[in-house]
Every structure is written in structure tokens, then in C-alpha cells.
């Protein structure tokens, strides 16, 4: 079991997708995302295997939730700086977790 103090170390924040583009060089189909997490954290980038449910154009402007305090990770030729959070649908495609109302960018998930 995870204790509450350990959970608090996971820094999940709300950000807005400012840029998205296909990542055809990835081993599995993916999309590159650039997300603005507000003035405290700024813009971070990642790649996500979300092509079953999203196109790059549909993602721009979307609010997403990401873990922003993981160390950067090389994904092919692309450096991922955060982990975008999602859940699998019935077919196994990833559905992004997103606030159902506008909230400030960089807002911490509690």
C-alpha cells in the first residue's frame, strides 16, 4: 500500500496542450505534445500513445493532467519531460484525464 506522504511526492498538475504533432518515428503510434503548465512550471513536452482516440489537431487547447516531477526520459529521438495521465477504454485505447471545467494552468491535483 502507498502511504499518503509518498502520494504527495507525485506532482500532478493541469496543463493546456499548446502544440501537438504526429510522432511517426516511435515504435508504437504516438503523438508529441507540448503542454503549458503555467508560470511556475512552464512548458514541458512528452510523447503519448494516444492515437486511437486523438489526432494532433484535436488536442491543441485541451486541458490535460500530467506528472511533472519525473526525470526526463528519452523516447526514441524525443526527450519526454512529463507523463500525461490517461486510462484505457474498452478497446485498449488511452483516454486522457482532463478537468471538466476550466481551472488555472499549473493547478496541483489533490
Protein backbone atom coordinates (compact mmCIF):
# COMPACT_ATOMS: atom_id res chain seq x y z
CA UNK A 1 0.00 0.00 0.00
CA UNK A 2 1.06 3.54 -0.69
CA UNK A 3 1.12 5.91 2.25
CA UNK A 4 -0.23 9.46 1.94
CA UNK A 5 3.19 11.13 2.31
CA UNK A 6 4.51 9.13 -0.66
CA UNK A 7 1.44 10.07 -2.73
CA UNK A 8 2.09 13.75 -2.02
CA UNK A 9 5.51 13.40 -3.66
CA UNK A 10 3.82 12.75 -7.03
CA UNK A 11 3.39 16.23 -8.52
CA UNK A 12 0.36 16.07 -10.84
CA UNK A 13 -0.66 19.35 -12.49
CA UNK A 14 -3.17 20.65 -15.00
CA UNK A 15 -1.77 21.94 -18.27
CA UNK A 16 -3.02 23.04 -21.68
CA UNK A 17 -1.78 21.47 -24.91
CA UNK A 18 -0.19 24.26 -26.96
CA UNK A 19 1.27 22.12 -29.74
CA UNK A 20 0.77 18.53 -30.92
CA UNK A 21 2.25 16.65 -33.85
CA UNK A 22 2.50 13.07 -35.09
CA UNK A 23 5.48 11.01 -33.96
CA UNK A 24 5.89 8.55 -36.87
CA UNK A 25 9.39 7.51 -35.73
CA UNK A 26 8.04 6.00 -32.50
CA UNK A 27 7.93 2.19 -32.22
CA UNK A 28 4.21 2.34 -31.41
CA UNK A 29 1.98 5.06 -32.88
CA UNK A 30 2.30 8.20 -30.75
CA UNK A 31 1.75 11.93 -30.67
CA UNK A 32 4.25 14.54 -29.44
CA UNK A 33 2.69 17.03 -27.02
CA UNK A 34 3.89 20.40 -25.76
CA UNK A 35 1.92 21.43 -22.68
CA UNK A 36 1.85 24.75 -20.79
CA UNK A 37 1.73 24.12 -17.04
CA UNK A 38 1.55 27.80 -16.10
CA UNK A 39 4.13 30.32 -14.89
CA UNK A 40 5.61 28.20 -12.07
CA UNK A 41 6.49 25.16 -14.23
CA UNK A 42 6.29 26.45 -17.79
CA UNK A 43 6.07 24.39 -20.96
CA UNK A 44 7.05 20.71 -21.00
CA UNK A 45 6.95 18.10 -23.76
CA UNK A 46 6.13 14.41 -23.92
CA UNK A 47 5.07 11.71 -26.33
CA UNK A 48 1.96 9.66 -25.75
CA UNK A 49 0.46 6.56 -27.33
CA UNK A 50 -2.98 8.14 -27.71
CA UNK A 51 -3.55 7.85 -31.46
CA UNK A 52 -6.56 5.51 -31.07
CA UNK A 53 -8.67 8.32 -29.64
CA UNK A 54 -6.96 11.59 -30.64
CA UNK A 55 -5.50 13.44 -33.59
CA UNK A 56 -2.86 16.14 -33.08
CA UNK A 57 -5.21 18.91 -34.27
CA UNK A 58 -7.93 17.90 -31.80
CA UNK A 59 -5.51 18.09 -28.85
CA UNK A 60 -4.42 21.73 -29.15
CA UNK A 61 -6.19 23.76 -26.46
CA UNK A 62 -7.21 20.68 -24.45
CA UNK A 63 -6.61 20.61 -20.68
CA UNK A 64 -4.69 17.53 -19.53
CA UNK A 65 -3.22 16.16 -16.30
CA UNK A 66 0.47 15.31 -16.12
CA UNK A 67 3.06 14.14 -13.62
CA UNK A 68 5.69 16.88 -13.83
CA UNK A 69 8.34 15.69 -11.38
CA UNK A 70 9.59 12.53 -13.11
CA UNK A 71 13.11 12.78 -14.54
CA UNK A 72 13.30 13.33 -18.33
CA UNK A 73 13.20 10.12 -20.38
CA UNK A 74 14.45 9.54 -23.90
CA UNK A 75 11.68 8.13 -26.12
CA UNK A 76 13.39 7.35 -29.41
CA UNK A 77 14.81 10.65 -30.65
CA UNK A 78 12.45 12.68 -28.44
CA UNK A 79 13.05 13.70 -24.81
CA UNK A 80 9.93 13.28 -22.67
CA UNK A 81 9.75 15.71 -19.74
CA UNK A 82 6.49 14.65 -18.07
CA UNK A 83 3.93 11.83 -18.03
CA UNK A 84 0.46 12.61 -19.34
CA UNK A 85 -2.24 10.71 -17.42
CA UNK A 86 -4.93 8.59 -19.05
CA UNK A 87 -6.98 5.43 -18.71
CA UNK A 88 -7.67 2.64 -21.19
CA UNK A 89 -11.08 2.44 -22.84
CA UNK A 90 -12.85 -0.88 -23.57
CA UNK A 91 -10.77 -1.35 -26.73
CA UNK A 92 -7.46 -0.59 -25.01
CA UNK A 93 -7.01 2.92 -26.42
CA UNK A 94 -5.93 5.63 -23.99
CA UNK A 95 -8.39 8.34 -22.93
CA UNK A 96 -6.74 11.38 -21.36
CA UNK A 97 -7.82 12.54 -17.91
CA UNK A 98 -8.95 16.13 -18.08
CA UNK A 99 -10.80 18.59 -15.80
CA UNK A 100 -14.46 19.02 -16.70
CA UNK A 101 -14.23 22.78 -16.03
CA UNK A 102 -11.63 25.47 -16.69
CA UNK A 103 -9.03 25.61 -13.93
CA UNK A 104 -5.79 27.62 -13.65
CA UNK A 105 -2.82 26.21 -15.56
CA UNK A 106 -0.36 24.58 -13.21
CA UNK A 107 -3.04 23.76 -10.65
CA UNK A 108 -1.97 20.82 -8.50
CA UNK A 109 -4.12 17.69 -8.40
CA UNK A 110 -5.21 16.98 -4.82
